Amino acid sequence: MREKTMPKKEVLLNEIEGVPEIFFNELLDFIHFLKAKVIRDKTSNAVLSESSLKKDWLSPEEDKAWQDL
């Protein structure tokens, strides 16, 4: 019940304290996997939105708006 009131980071750190050292490499690999997944998802979203925004970016009006920069 105490976990519900604790910040998630604190709960995770407490859980890590109880993990046997033999699992540290696997735990670290999983953390790296999650970080890579976040980057991959952000990149994927950017690529997907590019095609829908391209029609607005590649317009004479857009070129005129940016010509003085």
PDB file of N, CA and C in Angstrom:
ATOM      1  N   MET A   1       0.820  -1.190   0.000  1.00  0.00           N
ATOM      2  CA  MET A   1       0.000   0.000   0.000  1.00  0.00           C
ATOM      3  C   MET A   1       0.872   1.266   0.000  1.00  0.00           C
ATOM      4  N   ARG A   2       2.001   1.200   0.644  1.00  0.00           N
ATOM      5  CA  ARG A   2       2.912   2.341   0.710  1.00  0.00           C
ATOM      6  C   ARG A   2       3.413   2.738  -0.674  1.00  0.00           C
ATOM      7  N   GLU A   3       3.524   1.776  -1.596  1.00  0.00           N
ATOM      8  CA  GLU A   3       4.021   2.062  -2.947  1.00  0.00           C
ATOM      9  C   GLU A   3       3.145   3.065  -3.683  1.00  0.00           C
ATOM     10  N   LYS A   4       1.842   3.080  -3.416  1.00  0.00           N
ATOM     11  CA  LYS A   4       0.944   3.987  -4.121  1.00  0.00           C
ATOM     12  C   LYS A   4       1.250   5.447  -3.809  1.00  0.00           C
ATOM     13  N   THR A   5       1.799   5.712  -2.642  1.00  0.00           N
ATOM     14  CA  THR A   5       2.087   7.092  -2.270  1.00  0.00           C
ATOM     15  C   THR A   5       3.515   7.501  -2.606  1.00  0.00           C
ATOM     16  N   MET A   6       4.363   6.530  -2.921  1.00  0.00           N
ATOM     17  CA  MET A   6       5.755   6.813  -3.248  1.00  0.00           C
ATOM     18  C   MET A   6       5.880   7.190  -4.720  1.00  0.00           C
ATOM     19  N   PRO A   7       6.796   8.112  -5.037  1.00  0.00           N
ATOM     20  CA  PRO A   7       7.062   8.398  -6.452  1.00  0.00           C
ATOM     21  C   PRO A   7       7.559   7.137  -7.161  1.00  0.00           C
ATOM     22  N   LYS A   8       7.189   6.978  -8.420  1.00  0.00           N
ATOM     23  CA  LYS A   8       7.559   5.780  -9.188  1.00  0.00           C
ATOM     24  C   LYS A   8       9.068   5.544  -9.195  1.00  0.00           C
ATOM     25  N   LYS A   9       9.843   6.594  -9.309  1.00  0.00           N
ATOM     26  CA  LYS A   9      11.298   6.440  -9.336  1.00  0.00           C
ATOM     27  C   LYS A   9      11.793   5.813  -8.038  1.00  0.00           C
ATOM     28  N   GLU A  10      11.242   6.245  -6.919  1.00  0.00           N
ATOM     29  CA  GLU A  10      11.635   5.696  -5.622  1.00  0.00           C
ATOM     30  C   GLU A  10      11.246   4.218  -5.513  1.00  0.00           C
ATOM     31  N   VAL A  11      10.059   3.890  -6.016  1.00  0.00           N
ATOM     32  CA  VAL A  11       9.615   2.487  -6.011  1.00  0.00           C
ATOM     33  C   VAL A  11      10.571   1.640  -6.836  1.00  0.00           C
ATOM     34  N   LEU A  12      10.936   2.146  -8.024  1.00  0.00           N
ATOM     35  CA  LEU A  12      11.869   1.404  -8.886  1.00  0.00           C
ATOM     36  C   LEU A  12      13.227   1.222  -8.217  1.00  0.00           C
ATOM     37  N   LEU A  13      13.729   2.277  -7.624  1.00  0.00           N
ATOM     38  CA  LEU A  13      15.027   2.176  -6.952  1.00  0.00           C
ATOM     39  C   LEU A  13      14.973   1.170  -5.803  1.00  0.00           C
ATOM     40  N   ASN A  14      13.876   1.154  -5.072  1.00  0.00           N
ATOM     41  CA  ASN A  14      13.718   0.169  -3.997  1.00  0.00           C
ATOM     42  C   ASN A  14      13.672  -1.248  -4.550  1.00  0.00           C
ATOM     43  N   GLU A  15      12.988  -1.418  -5.662  1.00  0.00           N
ATOM     44  CA  GLU A  15      12.916  -2.745  -6.290  1.00  0.00           C
ATOM     45  C   GLU A  15      14.291  -3.197  -6.770  1.00  0.00           C
ATOM     46  N   ILE A  16      15.050  -2.268  -7.357  1.00  0.00           N
ATOM     47  CA  ILE A  16      16.391  -2.598  -7.849  1.00  0.00           C
ATOM     48  C   ILE A  16      17.286  -3.044  -6.696  1.00  0.00           C
ATOM     49  N   GLU A  17      17.111  -2.427  -5.539  1.00  0.00           N
ATOM     50  CA  GLU A  17      17.897  -2.811  -4.363  1.00  0.00           C
ATOM     51  C   GLU A  17      17.701  -4.291  -4.031  1.00  0.00           C
ATOM     52  N   GLY A  18      16.530  -4.821  -4.337  1.00  0.00           N
ATOM     53  CA  GLY A  18      16.247  -6.215  -4.005  1.00  0.00           C
ATOM     54  C   GLY A  18      16.582  -7.211  -5.099  1.00  0.00           C
ATOM     55  N   VAL A  19      17.035  -6.716  -6.258  1.00  0.00           N
ATOM     56  CA  VAL A  19      17.365  -7.606  -7.375  1.00  0.00           C
ATOM     57  C   VAL A  19      18.762  -8.188  -7.158  1.00  0.00           C
ATOM     58  N   PRO A  20      18.900  -9.496  -7.286  1.00  0.00           N
ATOM     59  CA  PRO A  20      20.239 -10.097  -7.161  1.00  0.00           C
ATOM     60  C   PRO A  20      21.183  -9.566  -8.252  1.00  0.00           C
ATOM     61  N   GLU A  21      22.422  -9.366  -7.896  1.00  0.00           N
ATOM     62  CA  GLU A  21      23.407  -8.798  -8.813  1.00  0.00           C
ATOM     63  C   GLU A  21      23.527  -9.594 -10.108  1.00  0.00           C
ATOM     64  N   ILE A  22      23.239 -10.859 -10.061  1.00  0.00           N
ATOM     65  CA  ILE A  22      23.339 -11.703 -11.256  1.00  0.00           C
ATOM     66  C   ILE A  22      22.420 -11.204 -12.381  1.00  0.00           C
ATOM     67  N   PHE A  23      21.368 -10.443 -12.029  1.00  0.00           N
ATOM     68  CA  PHE A  23      20.417  -9.940 -13.020  1.00  0.00           C
ATOM     69  C   PHE A  23      20.706  -8.504 -13.478  1.00  0.00           C
ATOM     70  N   PHE A  24      21.761  -7.888 -12.964  1.00  0.00           N
ATOM     71  CA  PHE A  24      22.045  -6.491 -13.301  1.00  0.00           C
ATOM     72  C   PHE A  24      22.257  -6.272 -14.794  1.00  0.00           C
ATOM     73  N   ASN A  25      22.994  -7.161 -15.448  1.00  0.00           N
ATOM     74  CA  ASN A  25      23.220  -6.992 -16.893  1.00  0.00           C
ATOM     75  C   ASN A  25      21.908  -7.048 -17.664  1.00  0.00           C
ATOM     76  N   GLU A  26      21.055  -7.994 -17.297  1.00  0.00           N
ATOM     77  CA  GLU A  26      19.763  -8.125 -17.969  1.00  0.00           C
ATOM     78  C   GLU A  26      18.883  -6.896 -17.710  1.00  0.00           C
ATOM     79  N   LEU A  27      18.910  -6.402 -16.491  1.00  0.00           N
ATOM     80  CA  LEU A  27      18.139  -5.215 -16.138  1.00  0.00           C
ATOM     81  C   LEU A  27      18.643  -4.004 -16.908  1.00  0.00           C
ATOM     82  N   LEU A  28      19.937  -3.853 -17.005  1.00  0.00           N
ATOM     83  CA  LEU A  28      20.529  -2.749 -17.752  1.00  0.00           C
ATOM     84  C   LEU A  28      20.185  -2.856 -19.237  1.00  0.00           C
ATOM     85  N   ASP A  29      20.239  -4.055 -19.793  1.00  0.00           N
ATOM     86  CA  ASP A  29      19.844  -4.263 -21.186  1.00  0.00           C
ATOM     87  C   ASP A  29      18.390  -3.837 -21.413  1.00  0.00           C
ATOM     88  N   PHE A  30      17.516  -4.167 -20.478  1.00  0.00           N
ATOM     89  CA  PHE A  30      16.113  -3.806 -20.613  1.00  0.00           C
ATOM     90  C   PHE A  30      15.917  -2.291 -20.568  1.00  0.00           C
ATOM     91  N   ILE A  31      16.649  -1.623 -19.695  1.00  0.00           N
ATOM     92  CA  ILE A  31      16.570  -0.164 -19.615  1.00  0.00           C
ATOM     93  C   ILE A  31      17.036   0.454 -20.929  1.00  0.00           C
ATOM     94  N   HIS A  32      18.122  -0.070 -21.502  1.00  0.00           N
ATOM     95  CA  HIS A  32      18.607   0.429 -22.792  1.00  0.00           C
ATOM     96  C   HIS A  32      17.581   0.168 -23.895  1.00  0.00           C
ATOM     97  N   PHE A  33      16.935  -0.995 -23.858  1.00  0.00           N
ATOM     98  CA  PHE A  33      15.886  -1.320 -24.821  1.00  0.00           C
ATOM     99  C   PHE A  33      14.749  -0.293 -24.741  1.00  0.00           C
ATOM    100  N   LEU A  34      14.315   0.031 -23.531  1.00  0.00           N
ATOM    101  CA  LEU A  34      13.225   0.995 -23.366  1.00  0.00           C
ATOM    102  C   LEU A  34      13.607   2.379 -23.886  1.00  0.00           C
ATOM    103  N   LYS A  35      14.835   2.803 -23.612  1.00  0.00           N
ATOM    104  CA  LYS A  35      15.296   4.099 -24.100  1.00  0.00           C
ATOM    105  C   LYS A  35      15.336   4.119 -25.629  1.00  0.00           C
ATOM    106  N   ALA A  36      15.823   3.049 -26.236  1.00  0.00           N
ATOM    107  CA  ALA A  36      15.877   2.955 -27.699  1.00  0.00           C
ATOM    108  C   ALA A  36      14.471   2.958 -28.285  1.00  0.00           C
ATOM    109  N   LYS A  37      13.535   2.307 -27.608  1.00  0.00           N
ATOM    110  CA  LYS A  37      12.150   2.255 -28.070  1.00  0.00           C
ATOM    111  C   LYS A  37      11.544   3.657 -28.099  1.00  0.00           C
ATOM    112  N   VAL A  38      11.811   4.452 -27.092  1.00  0.00           N
ATOM    113  CA  VAL A  38      11.304   5.829 -27.043  1.00  0.00           C
ATOM    114  C   VAL A  38      11.854   6.623 -28.230  1.00  0.00           C
ATOM    115  N   ILE A  39      13.145   6.504 -28.481  1.00  0.00           N
ATOM    116  CA  ILE A  39      13.773   7.219 -29.598  1.00  0.00           C
ATOM    117  C   ILE A  39      13.188   6.733 -30.922  1.00  0.00           C
ATOM    118  N   ARG A  40      13.042   5.432 -31.071  1.00  0.00           N
ATOM    119  CA  ARG A  40      12.495   4.848 -32.300  1.00  0.00           C
ATOM    120  C   ARG A  40      11.053   5.326 -32.531  1.00  0.00           C
ATOM    121  N   ASP A  41      10.257   5.356 -31.483  1.00  0.00           N
ATOM    122  CA  ASP A  41       8.866   5.800 -31.614  1.00  0.00           C
ATOM    123  C   ASP A  41       8.784   7.273 -31.999  1.00  0.00           C
ATOM    124  N   LYS A  42       9.629   8.106 -31.400  1.00  0.00           N
ATOM    125  CA  LYS A  42       9.633   9.529 -31.739  1.00  0.00           C
ATOM    126  C   LYS A  42      10.055   9.737 -33.195  1.00  0.00           C
ATOM    127  N   THR A  43      11.069   8.996 -33.625  1.00  0.00           N
ATOM    128  CA  THR A  43      11.536   9.098 -35.003  1.00  0.00           C
ATOM    129  C   THR A  43      10.456   8.641 -35.964  1.00  0.00           C
ATOM    130  N   SER A  44       9.801   7.560 -35.639  1.00  0.00           N
ATOM    131  CA  SER A  44       8.729   7.033 -36.476  1.00  0.00           C
ATOM    132  C   SER A  44       7.600   8.045 -36.611  1.00  0.00           C
ATOM    133  N   ASN A  45       7.219   8.669 -35.521  1.00  0.00           N
ATOM    134  CA  ASN A  45       6.162   9.682 -35.561  1.00  0.00           C
ATOM    135  C   ASN A  45       6.567  10.874 -36.422  1.00  0.00           C
ATOM    136  N   ALA A  46       7.813  11.263 -36.339  1.00  0.00           N
ATOM    137  CA  ALA A  46       8.286  12.398 -37.139  1.00  0.00           C
ATOM    138  C   ALA A  46       8.240  12.057 -38.623  1.00  0.00           C
ATOM    139  N   VAL A  47       8.657  10.855 -38.976  1.00  0.00           N
ATOM    140  CA  VAL A  47       8.649  10.426 -40.375  1.00  0.00           C
ATOM    141  C   VAL A  47       7.218  10.333 -40.895  1.00  0.00           C
ATOM    142  N   LEU A  48       6.320   9.790 -40.081  1.00  0.00           N
ATOM    143  CA  LEU A  48       4.925   9.671 -40.497  1.00  0.00           C
ATOM    144  C   LEU A  48       4.274  11.031 -40.695  1.00  0.00           C
ATOM    145  N   SER A  49       4.580  11.989 -39.846  1.00  0.00           N
ATOM    146  CA  SER A  49       3.957  13.306 -39.967  1.00  0.00           C
ATOM    147  C   SER A  49       4.563  14.105 -41.115  1.00  0.00           C
ATOM    148  N   GLU A  50       5.775  13.764 -41.517  1.00  0.00           N
ATOM    149  CA  GLU A  50       6.430  14.517 -42.587  1.00  0.00           C
ATOM    150  C   GLU A  50       5.626  14.480 -43.876  1.00  0.00           C
ATOM    151  N   SER A  51       5.120  13.320 -44.253  1.00  0.00           N
ATOM    152  CA  SER A  51       4.394  13.224 -45.515  1.00  0.00           C
ATOM    153  C   SER A  51       3.104  14.042 -45.483  1.00  0.00           C
ATOM    154  N   SER A  52       2.439  14.097 -44.337  1.00  0.00           N
ATOM    155  CA  SER A  52       1.202  14.870 -44.272  1.00  0.00           C
ATOM    156  C   SER A  52       1.471  16.375 -44.213  1.00  0.00           C
ATOM    157  N   LEU A  53       2.620  16.753 -43.673  1.00  0.00           N
ATOM    158  CA  LEU A  53       2.953  18.176 -43.582  1.00  0.00           C
ATOM    159  C   LEU A  53       3.656  18.701 -44.832  1.00  0.00           C
ATOM    160  N   LYS A  54       4.170  17.769 -45.637  1.00  0.00           N
ATOM    161  CA  LYS A  54       4.941  18.162 -46.812  1.00  0.00           C
ATOM    162  C   LYS A  54       4.131  19.070 -47.738  1.00  0.00           C
ATOM    163  N   LYS A  55       2.848  18.770 -47.874  1.00  0.00           N
ATOM    164  CA  LYS A  55       2.017  19.580 -48.781  1.00  0.00           C
ATOM    165  C   LYS A  55       1.955  21.039 -48.324  1.00  0.00           C
ATOM    166  N   ASP A  56       2.032  21.268 -47.005  1.00  0.00           N
ATOM    167  CA  ASP A  56       2.033  22.639 -46.494  1.00  0.00           C
ATOM    168  C   ASP A  56       3.426  23.262 -46.589  1.00  0.00           C
ATOM    169  N   TRP A  57       4.449  22.467 -46.342  1.00  0.00           N
ATOM    170  CA  TRP A  57       5.811  22.992 -46.373  1.00  0.00           C
ATOM    171  C   TRP A  57       6.240  23.387 -47.781  1.00  0.00           C
ATOM    172  N   LEU A  58       5.850  22.587 -48.762  1.00  0.00           N
ATOM    173  CA  LEU A  58       6.309  22.799 -50.127  1.00  0.00           C
ATOM    174  C   LEU A  58       5.264  23.584 -50.925  1.00  0.00           C
ATOM    175  N   SER A  59       4.969  24.763 -50.452  1.00  0.00           N
ATOM    176  CA  SER A  59       3.991  25.608 -51.135  1.00  0.00           C
ATOM    177  C   SER A  59       4.616  26.975 -51.403  1.00  0.00           C
ATOM    178  N   PRO A  60       4.139  27.658 -52.425  1.00  0.00           N
ATOM    179  CA  PRO A  60       4.665  29.002 -52.700  1.00  0.00           C
ATOM    180  C   PRO A  60       4.462  29.955 -51.520  1.00  0.00           C
ATOM    181  N   GLU A  61       3.347  29.805 -50.820  1.00  0.00           N
ATOM    182  CA  GLU A  61       3.080  30.668 -49.667  1.00  0.00           C
ATOM    183  C   GLU A  61       4.120  30.462 -48.571  1.00  0.00           C
ATOM    184  N   GLU A  62       4.476  29.211 -48.348  1.00  0.00           N
ATOM    185  CA  GLU A  62       5.480  28.890 -47.325  1.00  0.00           C
ATOM    186  C   GLU A  62       6.845  29.435 -47.735  1.00  0.00           C
ATOM    187  N   ASP A  63       7.197  29.271 -48.995  1.00  0.00           N
ATOM    188  CA  ASP A  63       8.469  29.808 -49.493  1.00  0.00           C
ATOM    189  C   ASP A  63       8.534  31.326 -49.301  1.00  0.00           C
ATOM    190  N   LYS A  64       7.440  31.993 -49.606  1.00  0.00           N
ATOM    191  CA  LYS A  64       7.389  33.455 -49.462  1.00  0.00           C
ATOM    192  C   LYS A  64       7.533  33.856 -47.978  1.00  0.00           C
ATOM    193  N   ALA A  65       6.901  33.116 -47.101  1.00  0.00           N
ATOM    194  CA  ALA A  65       6.953  33.435 -45.682  1.00  0.00           C
ATOM    195  C   ALA A  65       8.368  33.331 -45.120  1.00  0.00           C
ATOM    196  N   TRP A  66       9.198  32.448 -45.680  1.00  0.00           N
ATOM    197  CA  TRP A  66      10.536  32.200 -45.142  1.00  0.00           C
ATOM    198  C   TRP A  66      11.659  32.867 -45.965  1.00  0.00           C
ATOM    199  N   GLN A  67      11.319  33.569 -47.028  1.00  0.00           N
ATOM    200  CA  GLN A  67      12.355  34.079 -47.924  1.00  0.00           C
ATOM    201  C   GLN A  67      13.277  35.124 -47.294  1.00  0.00           C
ATOM    202  N   ASP A  68      12.823  35.820 -46.271  1.00  0.00           N
ATOM    203  CA  ASP A  68      13.654  36.866 -45.652  1.00  0.00           C
ATOM    204  C   ASP A  68      14.542  36.365 -44.532  1.00  0.00           C
ATOM    205  N   LEU A  69      14.466  35.091 -44.233  1.00  0.00           N
ATOM    206  CA  LEU A  69      15.277  34.571 -43.123  1.00  0.00           C
ATOM    207  C   LEU A  69      16.611  34.080 -43.572  1.00  0.00           C
TER     208      LEU A  69
END
